[in-house]
C-alpha cells in the first residue's frame, strides 16, 4: 500500500494576520511565547492590496537549502526537510538558498530553523482560527495549482506572445456592469 504524503499549504485569502500560528509554533518548539522563534512566519504587505500570509517550508523534493549546505546538515527523511543541529555550522547558506524564505535565524538560537511539520501533526493547522493553513495529501496540491493558474488567467487584461518572431499583445475586453460604454440610457 502506498502511503500518501501530506504537506502544509496556505490559503492567503483566509489569513487574518492574527499570528496565532507563530505563537503556537514558538511555544511548541522553543518553549517561549516569542513569534520570532517560530518555525513559521506571517508576512504582511501593505498598502494595496493588503496581503497577510503564513510562510511555511514547502518540504521540497530537491531542496536547494540542502544543496547549498557545505556540511550536509540538511536531510530529507520521509518527505520532511530537517536541519541537523549537530552538523550545522551556522553559515546561513540554507537561509539564502531557500526560494520562499522559510528558513529563519534568531540571535538566541545557534542554528537556522524551519518547519518540521511537528512530526506529522502540525500545531499551526489546529490553531489557525481561519483555517488558512491546511495539512493535506500532496496530490491535492496539484488541483490547487490548477485553480490558481485558471484564476490568474481569468484576471489577465493582456498577454504578450510571439508570432513568426514578432512580439504581439492581445488585449482582453474590459467587462463593465450596467450597460456598454457610451450607453446614454
N, C-alpha and C. Protein backbone atom coordinates (compact mmCIF):
# COMPACT_ATOMS: atom_id res chain seq x y z
N UNK A 1 0.85 -1.19 0.00
CA UNK A 1 0.00 0.00 0.00
C UNK A 1 0.89 1.25 0.00
N UNK A 2 0.57 2.19 -0.85
CA UNK A 2 1.32 3.43 -0.96
C UNK A 2 0.82 4.40 0.11
N UNK A 3 1.76 4.95 0.87
CA UNK A 3 1.42 5.93 1.89
C UNK A 3 1.37 7.32 1.26
N UNK A 4 0.25 7.99 1.40
CA UNK A 4 0.10 9.33 0.84
C UNK A 4 0.86 10.33 1.70
N UNK A 5 1.75 11.06 1.04
CA UNK A 5 2.47 12.12 1.74
C UNK A 5 1.55 13.31 1.93
N UNK A 6 1.73 13.98 3.05
CA UNK A 6 0.95 15.19 3.31
C UNK A 6 1.90 16.38 3.39
N UNK A 7 1.36 17.54 3.04
CA UNK A 7 2.13 18.77 3.08
C UNK A 7 1.27 19.90 3.64
N UNK A 8 1.97 20.90 4.14
CA UNK A 8 1.27 22.11 4.55
C UNK A 8 1.02 22.97 3.32
N UNK A 9 -0.12 23.59 3.29
CA UNK A 9 -0.42 24.55 2.24
C UNK A 9 -1.13 25.73 2.88
N UNK A 10 -1.05 26.85 2.23
CA UNK A 10 -1.59 28.09 2.77
C UNK A 10 -2.62 28.66 1.81
N UNK A 11 -3.71 29.16 2.37
CA UNK A 11 -4.72 29.88 1.59
C UNK A 11 -4.68 31.33 2.08
N UNK A 12 -3.88 32.17 1.39
CA UNK A 12 -3.65 33.54 1.87
C UNK A 12 -4.94 34.35 2.06
N UNK A 13 -5.94 34.12 1.23
CA UNK A 13 -7.19 34.87 1.33
C UNK A 13 -7.89 34.66 2.66
N UNK A 14 -7.60 33.55 3.33
CA UNK A 14 -8.23 33.27 4.61
C UNK A 14 -7.47 33.87 5.79
N UNK A 15 -6.21 34.18 5.60
CA UNK A 15 -5.36 34.63 6.71
C UNK A 15 -5.77 36.03 7.18
N UNK A 16 -6.02 36.15 8.48
CA UNK A 16 -6.38 37.45 9.07
C UNK A 16 -5.16 38.18 9.62
N UNK A 17 -4.02 37.49 9.66
CA UNK A 17 -2.82 38.09 10.22
C UNK A 17 -2.77 38.04 11.73
N UNK A 18 -3.55 37.18 12.36
CA UNK A 18 -3.62 37.11 13.82
C UNK A 18 -2.33 36.58 14.46
N UNK A 19 -1.57 35.82 13.72
CA UNK A 19 -0.26 35.27 14.13
C UNK A 19 -0.36 34.21 15.23
N UNK A 20 -1.52 33.65 15.43
CA UNK A 20 -1.68 32.56 16.40
C UNK A 20 -0.78 31.39 16.01
N UNK A 21 -0.63 31.15 14.72
CA UNK A 21 0.21 30.04 14.25
C UNK A 21 1.65 30.22 14.73
N UNK A 22 2.16 31.46 14.68
CA UNK A 22 3.52 31.74 15.14
C UNK A 22 3.66 31.47 16.63
N UNK A 23 2.69 31.91 17.40
CA UNK A 23 2.75 31.73 18.86
C UNK A 23 2.72 30.25 19.24
N UNK A 24 1.81 29.50 18.63
CA UNK A 24 1.70 28.08 18.92
C UNK A 24 2.99 27.36 18.54
N UNK A 25 3.56 27.73 17.41
CA UNK A 25 4.80 27.10 16.95
C UNK A 25 5.95 27.43 17.90
N UNK A 26 6.10 28.68 18.28
CA UNK A 26 7.19 29.08 19.17
C UNK A 26 7.07 28.40 20.53
N UNK A 27 5.87 28.31 21.04
CA UNK A 27 5.67 27.64 22.33
C UNK A 27 5.98 26.15 22.20
N UNK A 28 5.52 25.55 21.12
CA UNK A 28 5.73 24.12 20.90
C UNK A 28 7.20 23.76 20.68
N UNK A 29 7.91 24.56 19.88
CA UNK A 29 9.30 24.22 19.53
C UNK A 29 10.36 24.85 20.42
N UNK A 30 10.16 26.11 20.78
CA UNK A 30 11.19 26.83 21.56
C UNK A 30 10.79 26.99 23.03
N UNK A 31 9.55 26.67 23.37
CA UNK A 31 9.10 26.78 24.75
C UNK A 31 8.93 28.21 25.22
N UNK A 32 8.79 29.15 24.27
CA UNK A 32 8.63 30.56 24.62
C UNK A 32 7.50 31.19 23.81
N UNK A 33 6.93 32.24 24.40
CA UNK A 33 5.87 32.98 23.73
C UNK A 33 6.52 34.13 22.96
N UNK A 34 7.28 33.77 21.91
CA UNK A 34 8.00 34.74 21.11
C UNK A 34 7.89 34.34 19.64
N UNK A 35 7.05 35.03 18.86
CA UNK A 35 6.83 34.64 17.46
C UNK A 35 8.10 34.69 16.61
N UNK A 36 9.11 35.42 17.02
CA UNK A 36 10.35 35.47 16.24
C UNK A 36 11.17 34.18 16.38
N UNK A 37 10.74 33.29 17.27
CA UNK A 37 11.39 32.00 17.42
C UNK A 37 10.53 30.87 16.86
N UNK A 38 9.52 31.24 16.07
CA UNK A 38 8.62 30.25 15.46
C UNK A 38 9.23 29.72 14.16
N UNK A 39 8.89 28.52 13.80
CA UNK A 39 9.34 27.89 12.56
C UNK A 39 8.45 28.25 11.39
N UNK A 40 7.56 29.18 11.59
CA UNK A 40 6.62 29.68 10.59
C UNK A 40 6.56 31.19 10.79
N UNK A 41 6.32 31.94 9.74
CA UNK A 41 6.21 33.40 9.87
C UNK A 41 5.04 33.89 9.04
N UNK A 42 4.36 34.88 9.57
CA UNK A 42 3.29 35.54 8.82
C UNK A 42 3.86 36.85 8.30
N UNK A 43 3.78 37.02 6.99
CA UNK A 43 4.22 38.29 6.41
C UNK A 43 2.99 39.12 6.07
N UNK A 44 3.16 40.42 6.19
CA UNK A 44 2.08 41.35 5.86
C UNK A 44 2.65 42.37 4.88
N UNK A 45 1.96 42.56 3.78
CA UNK A 45 2.37 43.53 2.77
C UNK A 45 1.29 44.60 2.67
N UNK A 46 1.74 45.82 2.67
CA UNK A 46 0.83 46.96 2.59
C UNK A 46 1.31 47.88 1.48
N UNK A 47 0.65 48.85 0.98
CA UNK A 47 -0.69 49.28 1.35
C UNK A 47 -1.78 48.60 0.53
N UNK A 48 -1.54 48.37 -0.77
CA UNK A 48 -2.63 47.80 -1.55
C UNK A 48 -2.09 46.86 -2.61
N UNK A 49 -2.58 45.69 -2.76
CA UNK A 49 -3.56 45.09 -1.88
C UNK A 49 -2.90 44.60 -0.60
N UNK A 50 -3.60 44.62 0.49
CA UNK A 50 -3.07 44.13 1.76
C UNK A 50 -3.03 42.61 1.68
N UNK A 51 -1.86 42.07 1.91
CA UNK A 51 -1.69 40.61 1.87
C UNK A 51 -1.11 40.16 3.19
N UNK A 52 -1.72 39.16 3.79
CA UNK A 52 -1.22 38.54 5.00
C UNK A 52 -1.11 37.05 4.69
N UNK A 53 0.08 36.51 4.93
CA UNK A 53 0.28 35.14 4.50
C UNK A 53 1.32 34.42 5.35
N UNK A 54 0.97 33.25 5.88
CA UNK A 54 1.96 32.45 6.59
C UNK A 54 2.97 31.88 5.60
N UNK A 55 4.25 31.92 5.98
CA UNK A 55 5.31 31.32 5.17
C UNK A 55 5.73 30.03 5.86
N UNK A 56 5.54 28.92 5.19
CA UNK A 56 5.92 27.61 5.73
C UNK A 56 6.81 26.89 4.73
N UNK A 57 7.67 26.05 5.22
CA UNK A 57 8.55 25.27 4.36
C UNK A 57 7.71 24.39 3.44
N UNK A 58 8.08 24.37 2.17
CA UNK A 58 7.36 23.55 1.19
C UNK A 58 7.82 22.10 1.20
N UNK A 59 8.83 21.77 2.00
CA UNK A 59 9.37 20.41 2.08
C UNK A 59 9.69 19.92 0.66
N UNK A 60 10.52 20.67 -0.04
CA UNK A 60 10.88 20.38 -1.43
C UNK A 60 11.45 18.98 -1.60
N UNK A 61 11.14 18.36 -2.72
CA UNK A 61 11.72 17.04 -3.01
C UNK A 61 13.20 17.14 -3.32
N UNK A 62 13.61 18.23 -3.96
CA UNK A 62 15.03 18.50 -4.24
C UNK A 62 15.36 19.86 -3.63
N UNK A 63 15.54 19.91 -2.31
CA UNK A 63 15.71 21.19 -1.64
C UNK A 63 17.01 21.91 -1.97
N UNK A 64 16.88 23.16 -2.38
CA UNK A 64 18.05 23.99 -2.67
C UNK A 64 18.82 24.29 -1.39
N UNK A 65 18.12 24.34 -0.26
CA UNK A 65 18.80 24.58 1.02
C UNK A 65 19.76 23.44 1.32
N UNK A 66 19.35 22.22 1.05
CA UNK A 66 20.21 21.05 1.27
C UNK A 66 21.42 21.11 0.34
N UNK A 67 21.18 21.45 -0.91
CA UNK A 67 22.27 21.52 -1.89
C UNK A 67 23.27 22.61 -1.54
N UNK A 68 22.82 23.68 -0.89
CA UNK A 68 23.70 24.79 -0.53
C UNK A 68 24.51 24.53 0.74
N UNK A 69 24.09 23.56 1.52
CA UNK A 69 24.73 23.30 2.81
C UNK A 69 26.09 22.63 2.62
N UNK A 70 27.17 23.26 3.11
CA UNK A 70 28.52 22.70 2.93
C UNK A 70 28.84 21.52 3.85
N UNK A 71 28.01 21.29 4.86
CA UNK A 71 28.31 20.22 5.83
C UNK A 71 27.30 19.08 5.81
N UNK A 72 26.42 19.04 4.81
CA UNK A 72 25.37 18.02 4.72
C UNK A 72 24.51 17.97 5.99
N UNK A 73 24.23 19.15 6.54
CA UNK A 73 23.43 19.23 7.76
C UNK A 73 21.93 19.23 7.47
N UNK A 74 21.56 19.23 6.21
CA UNK A 74 20.14 19.22 5.86
C UNK A 74 19.83 17.91 5.15
N UNK A 75 18.86 17.20 5.69
CA UNK A 75 18.49 15.89 5.16
C UNK A 75 16.98 15.85 4.92
N UNK A 76 16.57 14.93 4.07
CA UNK A 76 15.15 14.70 3.81
C UNK A 76 14.83 13.30 4.30
N UNK A 77 13.93 13.22 5.26
CA UNK A 77 13.51 11.94 5.81
C UNK A 77 11.99 11.86 5.77
N UNK A 78 11.47 10.86 5.10
CA UNK A 78 10.02 10.69 4.95
C UNK A 78 9.34 11.97 4.45
N UNK A 79 10.00 12.66 3.51
CA UNK A 79 9.43 13.84 2.90
C UNK A 79 9.57 15.13 3.71
N UNK A 80 10.23 15.06 4.86
CA UNK A 80 10.41 16.24 5.70
C UNK A 80 11.87 16.68 5.65
N UNK A 81 12.08 17.93 5.30
CA UNK A 81 13.42 18.52 5.24
C UNK A 81 13.79 18.96 6.65
N UNK A 82 14.93 18.44 7.14
CA UNK A 82 15.34 18.69 8.52
C UNK A 82 16.76 19.22 8.57
N UNK A 83 17.00 20.16 9.48
CA UNK A 83 18.36 20.67 9.72
C UNK A 83 18.91 19.94 10.93
N UNK A 84 20.02 19.25 10.72
CA UNK A 84 20.67 18.52 11.82
C UNK A 84 21.59 19.49 12.57
N UNK A 85 21.19 19.86 13.76
CA UNK A 85 21.92 20.87 14.53
C UNK A 85 23.37 20.48 14.81
N UNK A 86 23.63 19.19 15.01
CA UNK A 86 24.99 18.77 15.34
C UNK A 86 25.95 18.88 14.16
N UNK A 87 25.44 18.96 12.94
CA UNK A 87 26.28 19.12 11.76
C UNK A 87 26.35 20.57 11.26
N UNK A 88 25.38 21.38 11.68
CA UNK A 88 25.25 22.75 11.17
C UNK A 88 26.36 23.65 11.73
N UNK A 89 26.95 24.46 10.85
CA UNK A 89 28.00 25.40 11.27
C UNK A 89 27.48 26.85 11.25
N UNK A 90 26.19 27.01 11.08
CA UNK A 90 25.53 28.32 11.06
C UNK A 90 26.11 29.27 10.02
N UNK A 91 26.41 28.75 8.84
CA UNK A 91 26.91 29.61 7.76
C UNK A 91 25.78 30.37 7.08
N UNK A 92 24.56 29.92 7.27
CA UNK A 92 23.34 30.52 6.74
C UNK A 92 23.21 30.41 5.22
N UNK A 93 23.96 29.51 4.62
CA UNK A 93 23.83 29.28 3.17
C UNK A 93 22.42 28.78 2.84
N UNK A 94 21.85 28.00 3.74
CA UNK A 94 20.50 27.48 3.53
C UNK A 94 19.47 28.60 3.54
N UNK A 95 19.67 29.57 4.41
CA UNK A 95 18.75 30.71 4.51
C UNK A 95 18.70 31.45 3.18
N UNK A 96 19.88 31.70 2.61
CA UNK A 96 19.95 32.40 1.33
C UNK A 96 19.41 31.56 0.18
N UNK A 97 19.55 30.25 0.26
CA UNK A 97 19.16 29.37 -0.83
C UNK A 97 17.65 29.11 -0.88
N UNK A 98 16.96 29.26 0.22
CA UNK A 98 15.52 28.96 0.25
C UNK A 98 14.76 29.98 -0.58
N UNK A 99 14.08 29.51 -1.62
CA UNK A 99 13.40 30.40 -2.56
C UNK A 99 12.17 31.09 -1.99
N UNK A 100 11.65 30.62 -0.86
CA UNK A 100 10.49 31.29 -0.28
C UNK A 100 10.78 31.92 1.08
N UNK A 101 12.02 31.83 1.52
CA UNK A 101 12.39 32.44 2.79
C UNK A 101 11.81 31.73 4.00
N UNK A 102 11.77 30.41 3.96
CA UNK A 102 11.16 29.64 5.04
C UNK A 102 12.16 29.08 6.04
N UNK A 103 13.40 29.54 5.98
CA UNK A 103 14.40 29.15 6.98
C UNK A 103 14.76 30.43 7.74
N UNK A 104 14.69 30.35 9.05
CA UNK A 104 14.81 31.53 9.88
C UNK A 104 16.01 31.46 10.80
N UNK A 105 16.43 32.63 11.28
CA UNK A 105 17.51 32.72 12.27
C UNK A 105 17.06 33.66 13.39
N UNK A 106 17.63 33.44 14.54
CA UNK A 106 17.39 34.31 15.70
C UNK A 106 18.67 34.35 16.51
N UNK A 107 18.99 35.51 17.03
CA UNK A 107 20.27 35.68 17.74
C UNK A 107 20.42 34.76 18.95
N UNK A 108 19.32 34.31 19.54
CA UNK A 108 19.38 33.42 20.70
C UNK A 108 19.49 31.94 20.34
N UNK A 109 19.33 31.63 19.06
CA UNK A 109 19.34 30.23 18.63
C UNK A 109 20.56 30.00 17.74
N UNK A 110 21.34 28.99 18.06
CA UNK A 110 22.64 28.77 17.39
C UNK A 110 22.54 28.45 15.91
N UNK A 111 21.54 27.68 15.52
CA UNK A 111 21.44 27.24 14.13
C UNK A 111 20.16 27.75 13.48
N UNK A 112 20.15 27.86 12.16
CA UNK A 112 18.90 28.21 11.47
C UNK A 112 17.83 27.17 11.79
N UNK A 113 16.57 27.56 11.67
CA UNK A 113 15.48 26.63 11.96
C UNK A 113 14.35 26.83 10.96
N UNK A 114 13.52 25.79 10.82
CA UNK A 114 12.44 25.79 9.85
C UNK A 114 11.36 24.82 10.28
N UNK A 115 10.28 24.83 9.56
CA UNK A 115 9.15 23.94 9.87
C UNK A 115 9.56 22.48 9.72
N UNK A 116 9.19 21.69 10.72
CA UNK A 116 9.42 20.25 10.65
C UNK A 116 8.10 19.47 10.64
N UNK A 117 7.02 20.18 10.43
CA UNK A 117 5.66 19.64 10.37
C UNK A 117 5.25 18.93 11.65
N UNK A 118 5.92 19.25 12.75
CA UNK A 118 5.57 18.74 14.08
C UNK A 118 5.40 17.22 14.09
N UNK A 119 6.26 16.54 13.34
CA UNK A 119 6.20 15.08 13.33
C UNK A 119 4.92 14.52 12.73
N UNK A 120 4.27 15.27 11.87
CA UNK A 120 3.05 14.78 11.21
C UNK A 120 1.76 15.29 11.85
N UNK A 121 1.88 16.16 12.84
CA UNK A 121 0.71 16.74 13.49
C UNK A 121 0.94 18.23 13.69
N UNK A 122 0.95 19.00 12.60
CA UNK A 122 1.28 20.43 12.68
C UNK A 122 0.35 21.21 13.62
N UNK A 123 0.94 21.80 14.64
CA UNK A 123 0.17 22.55 15.65
C UNK A 123 -0.46 23.81 15.04
N UNK A 124 0.20 24.41 14.06
CA UNK A 124 -0.32 25.64 13.44
C UNK A 124 -1.65 25.37 12.74
N UNK A 125 -1.81 24.20 12.16
CA UNK A 125 -3.05 23.85 11.45
C UNK A 125 -4.21 23.81 12.42
N UNK A 126 -4.00 23.14 13.55
CA UNK A 126 -5.06 23.02 14.54
C UNK A 126 -5.39 24.37 15.18
N UNK A 127 -4.39 25.25 15.31
CA UNK A 127 -4.59 26.53 16.00
C UNK A 127 -5.16 27.63 15.12
N UNK A 128 -5.03 27.53 13.81
CA UNK A 128 -5.44 28.62 12.92
C UNK A 128 -6.96 28.79 12.96
N UNK A 129 -7.44 29.94 13.47
CA UNK A 129 -8.89 30.14 13.58
C UNK A 129 -9.59 30.32 12.24
N UNK A 130 -8.87 30.70 11.20
CA UNK A 130 -9.46 30.94 9.89
C UNK A 130 -9.23 29.79 8.91
N UNK A 131 -8.54 28.74 9.37
CA UNK A 131 -8.20 27.59 8.51
C UNK A 131 -7.42 28.03 7.27
N UNK A 132 -6.48 28.96 7.48
CA UNK A 132 -5.63 29.44 6.39
C UNK A 132 -4.47 28.51 6.13
N UNK A 133 -4.15 27.66 7.10
CA UNK A 133 -3.07 26.67 6.94
C UNK A 133 -3.72 25.30 6.99
N UNK A 134 -3.46 24.52 5.96
CA UNK A 134 -4.04 23.18 5.87
C UNK A 134 -2.94 22.14 5.76
N UNK A 135 -3.21 20.94 6.23
CA UNK A 135 -2.30 19.81 6.12
C UNK A 135 -3.03 18.79 5.26
N UNK A 136 -2.63 18.72 3.98
CA UNK A 136 -3.40 17.95 3.00
C UNK A 136 -2.53 16.95 2.27
N UNK A 137 -3.14 15.91 1.71
CA UNK A 137 -2.37 14.99 0.88
C UNK A 137 -1.71 15.74 -0.28
N UNK A 138 -0.47 15.40 -0.55
CA UNK A 138 0.32 16.12 -1.55
C UNK A 138 -0.36 16.17 -2.92
N UNK A 139 -1.04 15.11 -3.31
CA UNK A 139 -1.64 15.09 -4.65
C UNK A 139 -2.75 16.13 -4.82
N UNK A 140 -3.36 16.59 -3.72
CA UNK A 140 -4.41 17.60 -3.84
C UNK A 140 -3.85 18.98 -4.14
N UNK A 141 -2.55 19.17 -3.93
CA UNK A 141 -1.94 20.47 -4.23
C UNK A 141 -1.94 20.75 -5.73
N UNK A 142 -1.89 19.70 -6.54
CA UNK A 142 -1.96 19.89 -7.99
C UNK A 142 -3.26 20.57 -8.39
N UNK A 143 -4.35 20.17 -7.75
CA UNK A 143 -5.64 20.79 -8.04
C UNK A 143 -5.62 22.26 -7.64
N UNK A 144 -5.02 22.58 -6.51
CA UNK A 144 -4.94 23.97 -6.06
C UNK A 144 -4.11 24.80 -7.04
N UNK A 145 -3.01 24.24 -7.55
CA UNK A 145 -2.17 24.96 -8.52
C UNK A 145 -2.92 25.20 -9.83
N UNK A 146 -3.71 24.21 -10.25
CA UNK A 146 -4.51 24.38 -11.48
C UNK A 146 -5.53 25.49 -11.30
N UNK A 147 -6.19 25.51 -10.14
CA UNK A 147 -7.18 26.54 -9.87
C UNK A 147 -6.53 27.92 -9.84
N UNK A 148 -5.37 28.03 -9.20
CA UNK A 148 -4.67 29.31 -9.14
C UNK A 148 -4.27 29.78 -10.54
N UNK A 149 -3.84 28.86 -11.38
CA UNK A 149 -3.46 29.23 -12.75
C UNK A 149 -4.67 29.72 -13.53
N UNK A 150 -5.79 29.04 -13.37
CA UNK A 150 -7.01 29.45 -14.08
C UNK A 150 -7.48 30.81 -13.59
N UNK A 151 -7.42 31.06 -12.28
CA UNK A 151 -7.84 32.35 -11.74
C UNK A 151 -6.90 33.46 -12.21
N UNK A 152 -5.61 33.18 -12.26
CA UNK A 152 -4.66 34.18 -12.74
C UNK A 152 -4.96 34.52 -14.20
N UNK A 153 -5.22 33.51 -15.00
CA UNK A 153 -5.54 33.72 -16.40
C UNK A 153 -6.83 34.53 -16.54
N UNK A 154 -7.83 34.23 -15.71
CA UNK A 154 -9.11 34.92 -15.79
C UNK A 154 -8.98 36.41 -15.45
N UNK A 155 -7.99 36.78 -14.66
CA UNK A 155 -7.82 38.17 -14.26
C UNK A 155 -6.85 38.94 -15.16
N UNK A 156 -6.32 38.30 -16.20
CA UNK A 156 -5.39 38.99 -17.09
C UNK A 156 -6.12 40.02 -17.95
N UNK A 157 -5.47 41.14 -18.19
CA UNK A 157 -6.03 42.14 -19.09
C UNK A 157 -5.35 42.11 -20.44
N UNK A 158 -4.10 41.65 -20.46
CA UNK A 158 -3.41 41.50 -21.73
C UNK A 158 -2.33 40.44 -21.58
N UNK A 159 -1.96 39.86 -22.69
CA UNK A 159 -0.91 38.85 -22.70
C UNK A 159 0.01 39.13 -23.89
N UNK A 160 1.30 38.96 -23.66
CA UNK A 160 2.27 39.13 -24.74
C UNK A 160 2.62 37.76 -25.29
N UNK A 161 2.82 37.69 -26.60
CA UNK A 161 3.22 36.44 -27.23
C UNK A 161 4.01 36.76 -28.50
N UNK A 162 4.67 35.76 -29.02
CA UNK A 162 5.44 35.93 -30.25
C UNK A 162 4.79 35.13 -31.36
N UNK A 163 4.66 35.78 -32.51
CA UNK A 163 4.11 35.12 -33.69
C UNK A 163 5.04 35.41 -34.86
N UNK A 164 5.60 34.37 -35.43
CA UNK A 164 6.56 34.50 -36.52
C UNK A 164 7.69 35.45 -36.16
N UNK A 165 8.18 35.35 -34.92
CA UNK A 165 9.29 36.17 -34.46
C UNK A 165 8.93 37.59 -34.09
N UNK A 166 7.67 37.95 -34.23
CA UNK A 166 7.23 39.31 -33.92
C UNK A 166 6.46 39.31 -32.60
N UNK A 167 6.84 40.25 -31.72
CA UNK A 167 6.18 40.38 -30.43
C UNK A 167 4.82 41.06 -30.61
N UNK A 168 3.78 40.42 -30.07
CA UNK A 168 2.42 40.98 -30.18
C UNK A 168 1.76 40.98 -28.81
N UNK A 169 0.72 41.81 -28.68
CA UNK A 169 -0.06 41.87 -27.46
C UNK A 169 -1.51 41.59 -27.79
N UNK A 170 -2.12 40.78 -26.94
CA UNK A 170 -3.54 40.50 -27.06
C UNK A 170 -4.20 41.16 -25.86
N UNK A 171 -5.08 42.10 -26.10
CA UNK A 171 -5.78 42.80 -25.03
C UNK A 171 -7.18 42.22 -24.90
N UNK A 172 -7.53 41.92 -23.66
CA UNK A 172 -8.86 41.40 -23.39
C UNK A 172 -9.81 42.57 -23.19
N UNK A 173 -11.05 42.41 -23.62
CA UNK A 173 -12.06 43.47 -23.46
C UNK A 173 -12.36 43.63 -21.97
N UNK A 174 -12.49 44.88 -21.55
CA UNK A 174 -12.88 45.13 -20.17
C UNK A 174 -14.38 44.95 -20.07
N UNK A 175 -14.78 44.23 -19.07
CA UNK A 175 -16.20 43.97 -18.89
C UNK A 175 -16.73 44.94 -17.85
N UNK A 176 -17.77 45.68 -18.23
CA UNK A 176 -18.38 46.62 -17.31
C UNK A 176 -19.79 46.15 -16.99
N UNK A 177 -20.26 46.54 -15.81
CA UNK A 177 -21.62 46.20 -15.44
C UNK A 177 -22.52 47.40 -15.71
N UNK A 178 -23.78 47.13 -15.93
CA UNK A 178 -24.75 48.22 -16.11
C UNK A 178 -24.78 48.82 -17.49
N UNK A 179 -24.48 48.07 -18.51
CA UNK A 179 -24.58 48.60 -19.87
C UNK A 179 -23.22 48.67 -20.54
N UNK A 180 -23.21 49.16 -21.75
CA UNK A 180 -21.98 49.25 -22.50
C UNK A 180 -21.44 50.67 -22.45
N UNK A 181 -20.21 50.84 -22.85
CA UNK A 181 -19.61 52.16 -22.88
C UNK A 181 -20.38 53.04 -23.84
N UNK A 182 -20.52 54.28 -23.43
CA UNK A 182 -21.21 55.22 -24.30
C UNK A 182 -22.72 55.06 -24.29
N UNK A 183 -23.21 54.14 -23.49
CA UNK A 183 -24.64 53.94 -23.40
C UNK A 183 -25.25 55.12 -22.67
N UNK A 184 -26.13 55.86 -23.31
CA UNK A 184 -26.66 57.09 -22.73
C UNK A 184 -27.99 56.91 -22.04
N UNK A 185 -28.41 55.69 -21.83
CA UNK A 185 -29.71 55.48 -21.18
C UNK A 185 -29.72 55.95 -19.79
